[in-house]
C-alpha cells in the first residue's frame, strides 16, 4: 500500500513524504511505478556505478519508460534507491527482458553485489503522476 511506500521512504531518508491535498487529480489509467531500495557491497561500488550508468541511459530510451532515477541515500555511500515510472505494467515487464536490465539483475543476484536482506521493491499504481 502507499502507506508502506511512505514508511520506506521516510526510513531511508532519501526523500520526503509528499502531502496529498483533497481533490488531487487521478493519473491516466495504467501508469506504473516501481520503487526499489538496496545497499551495495563496498567492494562492488565501482562495478555498480558502471552497470547503472548503462542501465539508466538505456532504460530512458525505452518507449514505455516515463522516468528512471538512480538516487543515493544521504549520509551513505552504499545505499541507493531506484524510481522507475512506465506508461503501463506491460512496459515494465518488457524492460525486465532487456540486456541492460539483465546486467543489473546478474549484478544483484549471481555476483551478490547487493547486501543480503537489503533489497526491497514496492510496485505502485500512479495516482497523482506529474508528466
N, C-alpha and C. Protein backbone atom coordinates (compact mmCIF):
# COMPACT_ATOMS: atom_id res chain seq x y z
N UNK A 1 0.83 -1.20 0.00
CA UNK A 1 0.00 0.00 0.00
C UNK A 1 0.87 1.25 0.00
N UNK A 2 0.27 2.40 -0.26
CA UNK A 2 1.05 3.64 -0.30
C UNK A 2 1.64 3.94 1.07
N UNK A 3 0.98 3.51 2.14
CA UNK A 3 1.49 3.74 3.48
C UNK A 3 2.85 3.07 3.67
N UNK A 4 2.98 1.85 3.15
CA UNK A 4 4.25 1.13 3.24
C UNK A 4 5.32 1.88 2.47
N UNK A 5 4.99 2.39 1.28
CA UNK A 5 5.95 3.15 0.49
C UNK A 5 6.41 4.38 1.26
N UNK A 6 5.49 5.12 1.87
CA UNK A 6 5.85 6.32 2.60
C UNK A 6 6.72 5.97 3.81
N UNK A 7 6.42 4.87 4.50
CA UNK A 7 7.23 4.44 5.63
C UNK A 7 8.64 4.10 5.16
N UNK A 8 8.74 3.40 4.03
CA UNK A 8 10.04 3.05 3.48
C UNK A 8 10.82 4.29 3.10
N UNK A 9 10.17 5.24 2.43
CA UNK A 9 10.83 6.46 2.02
C UNK A 9 11.32 7.24 3.24
N UNK A 10 10.49 7.31 4.27
CA UNK A 10 10.85 8.02 5.49
C UNK A 10 12.02 7.32 6.19
N UNK A 11 11.96 5.99 6.27
CA UNK A 11 13.01 5.21 6.92
C UNK A 11 14.35 5.41 6.22
N UNK A 12 14.35 5.38 4.89
CA UNK A 12 15.58 5.52 4.14
C UNK A 12 16.12 6.94 4.17
N UNK A 13 15.24 7.90 4.39
CA UNK A 13 15.66 9.29 4.43
C UNK A 13 16.07 9.83 3.07
N UNK A 14 15.67 9.15 1.99
CA UNK A 14 16.12 9.57 0.67
C UNK A 14 15.15 10.56 0.02
N UNK A 15 14.01 10.72 0.58
CA UNK A 15 13.07 11.68 0.03
C UNK A 15 12.01 11.98 1.08
N UNK A 16 11.35 13.07 0.93
CA UNK A 16 10.32 13.44 1.90
C UNK A 16 8.99 12.83 1.49
N UNK A 17 8.13 12.62 2.46
CA UNK A 17 6.82 12.08 2.20
C UNK A 17 5.94 13.18 1.63
N UNK A 18 5.37 12.97 0.44
CA UNK A 18 4.56 14.01 -0.18
C UNK A 18 3.23 14.19 0.53
N UNK A 19 2.77 15.41 0.58
CA UNK A 19 1.45 15.70 1.14
C UNK A 19 0.42 15.55 0.03
N UNK A 20 -0.68 14.90 0.32
CA UNK A 20 -1.75 14.75 -0.65
C UNK A 20 -2.86 15.72 -0.27
N UNK A 21 -3.22 16.56 -1.20
CA UNK A 21 -4.26 17.54 -0.93
C UNK A 21 -5.60 17.02 -1.40
N UNK A 22 -6.68 17.42 -0.72
CA UNK A 22 -8.01 16.98 -1.14
C UNK A 22 -8.27 17.40 -2.58
N UNK A 23 -8.90 16.49 -3.33
CA UNK A 23 -9.26 16.82 -4.70
C UNK A 23 -8.13 16.65 -5.69
N UNK A 24 -7.08 15.88 -5.34
CA UNK A 24 -5.98 15.70 -6.29
C UNK A 24 -6.48 14.94 -7.51
N UNK A 25 -5.85 15.18 -8.65
CA UNK A 25 -6.28 14.57 -9.90
C UNK A 25 -5.72 13.15 -10.02
N UNK A 26 -6.54 12.25 -10.46
CA UNK A 26 -6.09 10.88 -10.70
C UNK A 26 -5.26 10.85 -11.96
N UNK A 27 -4.24 10.02 -11.97
CA UNK A 27 -3.38 9.86 -13.15
C UNK A 27 -4.12 9.12 -14.24
N UNK A 28 -3.59 9.20 -15.43
CA UNK A 28 -4.14 8.43 -16.53
C UNK A 28 -4.05 6.95 -16.19
N UNK A 29 -5.02 6.20 -16.64
CA UNK A 29 -5.04 4.77 -16.35
C UNK A 29 -3.78 4.09 -16.87
N UNK A 30 -3.21 3.23 -16.05
CA UNK A 30 -2.13 2.40 -16.49
C UNK A 30 -0.73 2.80 -16.07
N UNK A 31 -0.49 4.04 -15.69
CA UNK A 31 0.87 4.42 -15.30
C UNK A 31 1.31 3.55 -14.13
N UNK A 32 2.55 3.10 -14.20
CA UNK A 32 3.04 2.05 -13.32
C UNK A 32 4.40 2.46 -12.78
N UNK A 33 4.57 2.42 -11.47
CA UNK A 33 5.80 2.90 -10.84
C UNK A 33 6.40 1.80 -9.97
N UNK A 34 7.73 1.73 -10.00
CA UNK A 34 8.46 0.77 -9.17
C UNK A 34 9.46 1.57 -8.34
N UNK A 35 9.48 1.32 -7.03
CA UNK A 35 10.41 1.97 -6.12
C UNK A 35 11.25 0.87 -5.48
N UNK A 36 12.56 0.93 -5.69
CA UNK A 36 13.46 -0.11 -5.19
C UNK A 36 14.49 0.53 -4.27
N UNK A 37 14.80 -0.12 -3.17
CA UNK A 37 15.89 0.34 -2.29
C UNK A 37 16.80 -0.84 -2.00
N UNK A 38 18.09 -0.53 -1.84
CA UNK A 38 19.07 -1.59 -1.63
C UNK A 38 20.38 -0.98 -1.17
N UNK A 39 21.25 -1.84 -0.66
CA UNK A 39 22.60 -1.42 -0.29
C UNK A 39 23.60 -2.24 -1.10
N UNK A 40 24.58 -1.57 -1.66
CA UNK A 40 25.62 -2.22 -2.47
C UNK A 40 26.82 -2.51 -1.57
N UNK A 41 27.39 -3.69 -1.75
CA UNK A 41 28.61 -4.02 -1.00
C UNK A 41 29.72 -3.08 -1.44
N UNK A 42 30.49 -2.59 -0.46
CA UNK A 42 31.53 -1.59 -0.74
C UNK A 42 32.50 -2.02 -1.84
N UNK A 43 32.88 -3.28 -1.85
CA UNK A 43 33.84 -3.77 -2.85
C UNK A 43 33.26 -3.79 -4.26
N UNK A 44 31.95 -3.58 -4.39
CA UNK A 44 31.28 -3.66 -5.68
C UNK A 44 30.81 -2.29 -6.19
N UNK A 45 31.13 -1.22 -5.48
CA UNK A 45 30.61 0.10 -5.84
C UNK A 45 31.03 0.56 -7.25
N UNK A 46 32.28 0.37 -7.60
CA UNK A 46 32.74 0.81 -8.92
C UNK A 46 31.99 0.07 -10.03
N UNK A 47 31.85 -1.23 -9.89
CA UNK A 47 31.11 -2.02 -10.88
C UNK A 47 29.65 -1.61 -10.91
N UNK A 48 29.06 -1.37 -9.74
CA UNK A 48 27.66 -0.92 -9.66
C UNK A 48 27.45 0.37 -10.44
N UNK A 49 28.31 1.35 -10.23
CA UNK A 49 28.16 2.62 -10.93
C UNK A 49 28.31 2.46 -12.45
N UNK A 50 29.21 1.59 -12.87
CA UNK A 50 29.38 1.32 -14.31
C UNK A 50 28.11 0.69 -14.89
N UNK A 51 27.59 -0.33 -14.22
CA UNK A 51 26.39 -1.02 -14.70
C UNK A 51 25.19 -0.09 -14.69
N UNK A 52 25.02 0.70 -13.62
CA UNK A 52 23.85 1.58 -13.53
C UNK A 52 23.92 2.72 -14.54
N UNK A 53 25.11 3.16 -14.91
CA UNK A 53 25.22 4.20 -15.94
C UNK A 53 24.66 3.67 -17.26
N UNK A 54 24.97 2.42 -17.57
CA UNK A 54 24.44 1.80 -18.79
C UNK A 54 22.94 1.56 -18.65
N UNK A 55 22.53 0.96 -17.53
CA UNK A 55 21.12 0.63 -17.33
C UNK A 55 20.24 1.88 -17.37
N UNK A 56 20.66 2.94 -16.70
CA UNK A 56 19.86 4.17 -16.67
C UNK A 56 19.76 4.78 -18.07
N UNK A 57 20.88 4.90 -18.76
CA UNK A 57 20.87 5.51 -20.10
C UNK A 57 20.01 4.72 -21.07
N UNK A 58 20.13 3.41 -21.05
CA UNK A 58 19.37 2.57 -21.99
C UNK A 58 17.89 2.48 -21.60
N UNK A 59 17.60 2.43 -20.31
CA UNK A 59 16.20 2.37 -19.87
C UNK A 59 15.46 3.63 -20.29
N UNK A 60 16.10 4.78 -20.16
CA UNK A 60 15.47 6.05 -20.53
C UNK A 60 15.14 6.13 -22.02
N UNK A 61 15.78 5.30 -22.83
CA UNK A 61 15.50 5.26 -24.27
C UNK A 61 14.30 4.37 -24.61
N UNK A 62 13.87 3.55 -23.67
CA UNK A 62 12.77 2.63 -23.92
C UNK A 62 11.48 3.41 -24.15
N UNK A 63 10.71 2.98 -25.13
CA UNK A 63 9.47 3.67 -25.49
C UNK A 63 8.51 3.81 -24.31
N UNK A 64 8.42 2.79 -23.48
CA UNK A 64 7.46 2.81 -22.37
C UNK A 64 7.96 3.45 -21.09
N UNK A 65 9.23 3.87 -21.07
CA UNK A 65 9.79 4.47 -19.85
C UNK A 65 9.44 5.95 -19.78
N UNK A 66 8.80 6.34 -18.68
CA UNK A 66 8.47 7.75 -18.44
C UNK A 66 9.54 8.42 -17.59
N UNK A 67 10.18 7.64 -16.72
CA UNK A 67 11.21 8.20 -15.84
C UNK A 67 12.02 7.05 -15.24
N UNK A 68 13.33 7.29 -15.08
CA UNK A 68 14.20 6.33 -14.43
C UNK A 68 15.24 7.12 -13.66
N UNK A 69 15.19 7.07 -12.34
CA UNK A 69 16.11 7.82 -11.49
C UNK A 69 16.88 6.88 -10.58
N UNK A 70 18.18 7.11 -10.49
CA UNK A 70 19.02 6.45 -9.50
C UNK A 70 19.28 7.48 -8.41
N UNK A 71 18.93 7.14 -7.18
CA UNK A 71 19.06 8.05 -6.04
C UNK A 71 20.02 7.44 -5.02
N UNK A 72 20.83 8.29 -4.39
CA UNK A 72 21.72 7.84 -3.31
C UNK A 72 21.18 8.38 -2.00
N UNK A 73 21.08 7.52 -1.01
CA UNK A 73 20.58 7.92 0.30
C UNK A 73 21.60 8.88 0.93
N UNK A 74 21.12 10.02 1.42
CA UNK A 74 22.01 11.00 2.06
C UNK A 74 22.71 10.36 3.25
N UNK A 75 24.00 10.66 3.38
CA UNK A 75 24.78 10.17 4.51
C UNK A 75 25.31 8.76 4.34
N UNK A 76 25.08 8.15 3.19
CA UNK A 76 25.56 6.79 2.94
C UNK A 76 26.19 6.72 1.55
N UNK A 77 27.30 6.03 1.47
CA UNK A 77 27.93 5.82 0.16
C UNK A 77 27.46 4.54 -0.51
N UNK A 78 26.70 3.72 0.23
CA UNK A 78 26.36 2.39 -0.29
C UNK A 78 24.86 2.13 -0.42
N UNK A 79 24.01 3.04 0.04
CA UNK A 79 22.55 2.83 -0.03
C UNK A 79 21.95 3.65 -1.17
N UNK A 80 21.13 2.97 -1.98
CA UNK A 80 20.57 3.58 -3.17
C UNK A 80 19.09 3.25 -3.31
N UNK A 81 18.42 4.04 -4.14
CA UNK A 81 17.03 3.80 -4.50
C UNK A 81 16.90 3.98 -6.01
N UNK A 82 15.97 3.25 -6.58
CA UNK A 82 15.60 3.43 -7.98
C UNK A 82 14.14 3.85 -8.01
N UNK A 83 13.85 4.88 -8.79
CA UNK A 83 12.47 5.29 -9.03
C UNK A 83 12.23 5.11 -10.52
N UNK A 84 11.36 4.17 -10.86
CA UNK A 84 11.10 3.84 -12.26
C UNK A 84 9.62 4.04 -12.55
N UNK A 85 9.31 4.81 -13.60
CA UNK A 85 7.93 5.02 -13.99
C UNK A 85 7.77 4.60 -15.45
N UNK A 86 6.74 3.83 -15.71
CA UNK A 86 6.45 3.32 -17.05
C UNK A 86 5.02 3.67 -17.44
N UNK A 87 4.76 3.71 -18.74
CA UNK A 87 3.42 4.08 -19.19
C UNK A 87 2.38 3.04 -18.79
N UNK A 88 2.82 1.79 -18.58
CA UNK A 88 1.92 0.73 -18.12
C UNK A 88 2.74 -0.45 -17.61
N UNK A 89 2.07 -1.42 -17.03
CA UNK A 89 2.75 -2.58 -16.46
C UNK A 89 3.46 -3.39 -17.55
N UNK A 90 2.88 -3.47 -18.73
CA UNK A 90 3.50 -4.21 -19.83
C UNK A 90 4.87 -3.61 -20.19
N UNK A 91 4.99 -2.30 -20.14
CA UNK A 91 6.27 -1.66 -20.44
C UNK A 91 7.32 -2.02 -19.39
N UNK A 92 6.90 -2.10 -18.13
CA UNK A 92 7.82 -2.50 -17.06
C UNK A 92 8.27 -3.95 -17.25
N UNK A 93 7.36 -4.80 -17.64
CA UNK A 93 7.71 -6.20 -17.87
C UNK A 93 8.65 -6.33 -19.07
N UNK A 94 8.41 -5.53 -20.10
CA UNK A 94 9.29 -5.54 -21.27
C UNK A 94 10.70 -5.09 -20.88
N UNK A 95 10.80 -4.11 -20.00
CA UNK A 95 12.10 -3.63 -19.51
C UNK A 95 12.90 -4.77 -18.89
N UNK A 96 12.23 -5.65 -18.17
CA UNK A 96 12.91 -6.75 -17.48
C UNK A 96 13.51 -7.77 -18.46
N UNK A 97 13.19 -7.66 -19.73
CA UNK A 97 13.74 -8.56 -20.74
C UNK A 97 14.90 -7.95 -21.53
N UNK A 98 15.30 -6.73 -21.18
CA UNK A 98 16.37 -6.06 -21.93
C UNK A 98 17.75 -6.51 -21.43
N UNK A 99 18.75 -6.35 -22.29
CA UNK A 99 20.11 -6.73 -21.92
C UNK A 99 20.66 -5.86 -20.78
N UNK A 100 20.32 -4.57 -20.77
CA UNK A 100 20.83 -3.71 -19.70
C UNK A 100 20.21 -4.06 -18.34
N UNK A 101 18.94 -4.45 -18.33
CA UNK A 101 18.34 -4.90 -17.07
C UNK A 101 19.00 -6.20 -16.62
N UNK A 102 19.26 -7.10 -17.57
CA UNK A 102 19.87 -8.38 -17.23
C UNK A 102 21.25 -8.19 -16.59
N UNK A 103 22.00 -7.15 -17.01
CA UNK A 103 23.29 -6.84 -16.38
C UNK A 103 23.09 -6.50 -14.91
N UNK A 104 22.11 -5.63 -14.62
CA UNK A 104 21.80 -5.23 -13.24
C UNK A 104 21.33 -6.44 -12.44
N UNK A 105 20.47 -7.25 -13.03
CA UNK A 105 19.94 -8.41 -12.33
C UNK A 105 21.05 -9.40 -11.99
N UNK A 106 21.98 -9.62 -12.92
CA UNK A 106 23.10 -10.51 -12.66
C UNK A 106 23.99 -9.94 -11.54
N UNK A 107 24.19 -8.62 -11.55
CA UNK A 107 25.00 -7.98 -10.50
C UNK A 107 24.41 -8.24 -9.12
N UNK A 108 23.09 -8.09 -8.99
CA UNK A 108 22.49 -8.22 -7.67
C UNK A 108 22.24 -9.66 -7.25
N UNK A 109 22.18 -10.59 -8.21
CA UNK A 109 21.90 -11.99 -7.86
C UNK A 109 23.14 -12.86 -7.97
N UNK A 110 23.59 -13.14 -9.18
CA UNK A 110 24.71 -14.06 -9.39
C UNK A 110 26.01 -13.55 -8.78
N UNK A 111 26.27 -12.24 -8.90
CA UNK A 111 27.51 -11.68 -8.36
C UNK A 111 27.39 -11.27 -6.90
N UNK A 112 26.17 -11.29 -6.36
CA UNK A 112 25.92 -10.93 -4.96
C UNK A 112 26.48 -9.55 -4.62
N UNK A 113 26.26 -8.57 -5.51
CA UNK A 113 26.77 -7.22 -5.30
C UNK A 113 25.94 -6.40 -4.33
N UNK A 114 24.76 -6.89 -3.99
CA UNK A 114 23.86 -6.19 -3.07
C UNK A 114 23.91 -6.88 -1.72
N UNK A 115 23.95 -6.09 -0.65
CA UNK A 115 23.98 -6.64 0.71
C UNK A 115 22.72 -7.49 0.93
N UNK A 116 22.94 -8.73 1.38
CA UNK A 116 21.84 -9.65 1.59
C UNK A 116 20.81 -9.06 2.56
N UNK A 117 19.55 -9.14 2.19
CA UNK A 117 18.46 -8.64 3.03
C UNK A 117 18.17 -7.17 2.88
N UNK A 118 18.95 -6.45 2.06
CA UNK A 118 18.74 -5.01 1.94
C UNK A 118 17.83 -4.64 0.76
N UNK A 119 17.56 -5.57 -0.13
CA UNK A 119 16.79 -5.28 -1.34
C UNK A 119 15.29 -5.26 -1.04
N UNK A 120 14.65 -4.17 -1.40
CA UNK A 120 13.21 -4.04 -1.21
C UNK A 120 12.60 -3.41 -2.45
N UNK A 121 11.48 -3.95 -2.91
CA UNK A 121 10.82 -3.46 -4.12
C UNK A 121 9.34 -3.23 -3.81
N UNK A 122 8.87 -2.02 -4.15
CA UNK A 122 7.46 -1.68 -3.98
C UNK A 122 6.91 -1.34 -5.35
N UNK A 123 5.84 -2.02 -5.76
CA UNK A 123 5.20 -1.78 -7.04
C UNK A 123 3.96 -0.95 -6.79
N UNK A 124 3.80 0.13 -7.58
CA UNK A 124 2.73 1.09 -7.32
C UNK A 124 1.93 1.39 -8.58
N UNK A 125 0.66 1.69 -8.41
CA UNK A 125 -0.14 2.29 -9.45
C UNK A 125 -0.08 3.80 -9.20
N UNK A 126 0.18 4.57 -10.24
CA UNK A 126 0.30 6.02 -10.09
C UNK A 126 -1.09 6.63 -9.88
N UNK A 127 -1.24 7.44 -8.82
CA UNK A 127 -2.50 8.13 -8.57
C UNK A 127 -2.44 9.59 -8.97
N UNK A 128 -1.36 10.25 -8.60
CA UNK A 128 -1.19 11.67 -8.89
C UNK A 128 0.20 11.81 -9.51
N UNK A 129 0.27 11.61 -10.82
CA UNK A 129 1.54 11.48 -11.51
C UNK A 129 1.83 12.73 -12.32
N UNK A 130 2.99 13.34 -12.07
CA UNK A 130 3.39 14.52 -12.83
C UNK A 130 4.05 14.07 -14.12
N UNK A 131 3.49 14.47 -15.23
CA UNK A 131 4.08 14.04 -16.51
C UNK A 131 4.72 15.21 -17.22
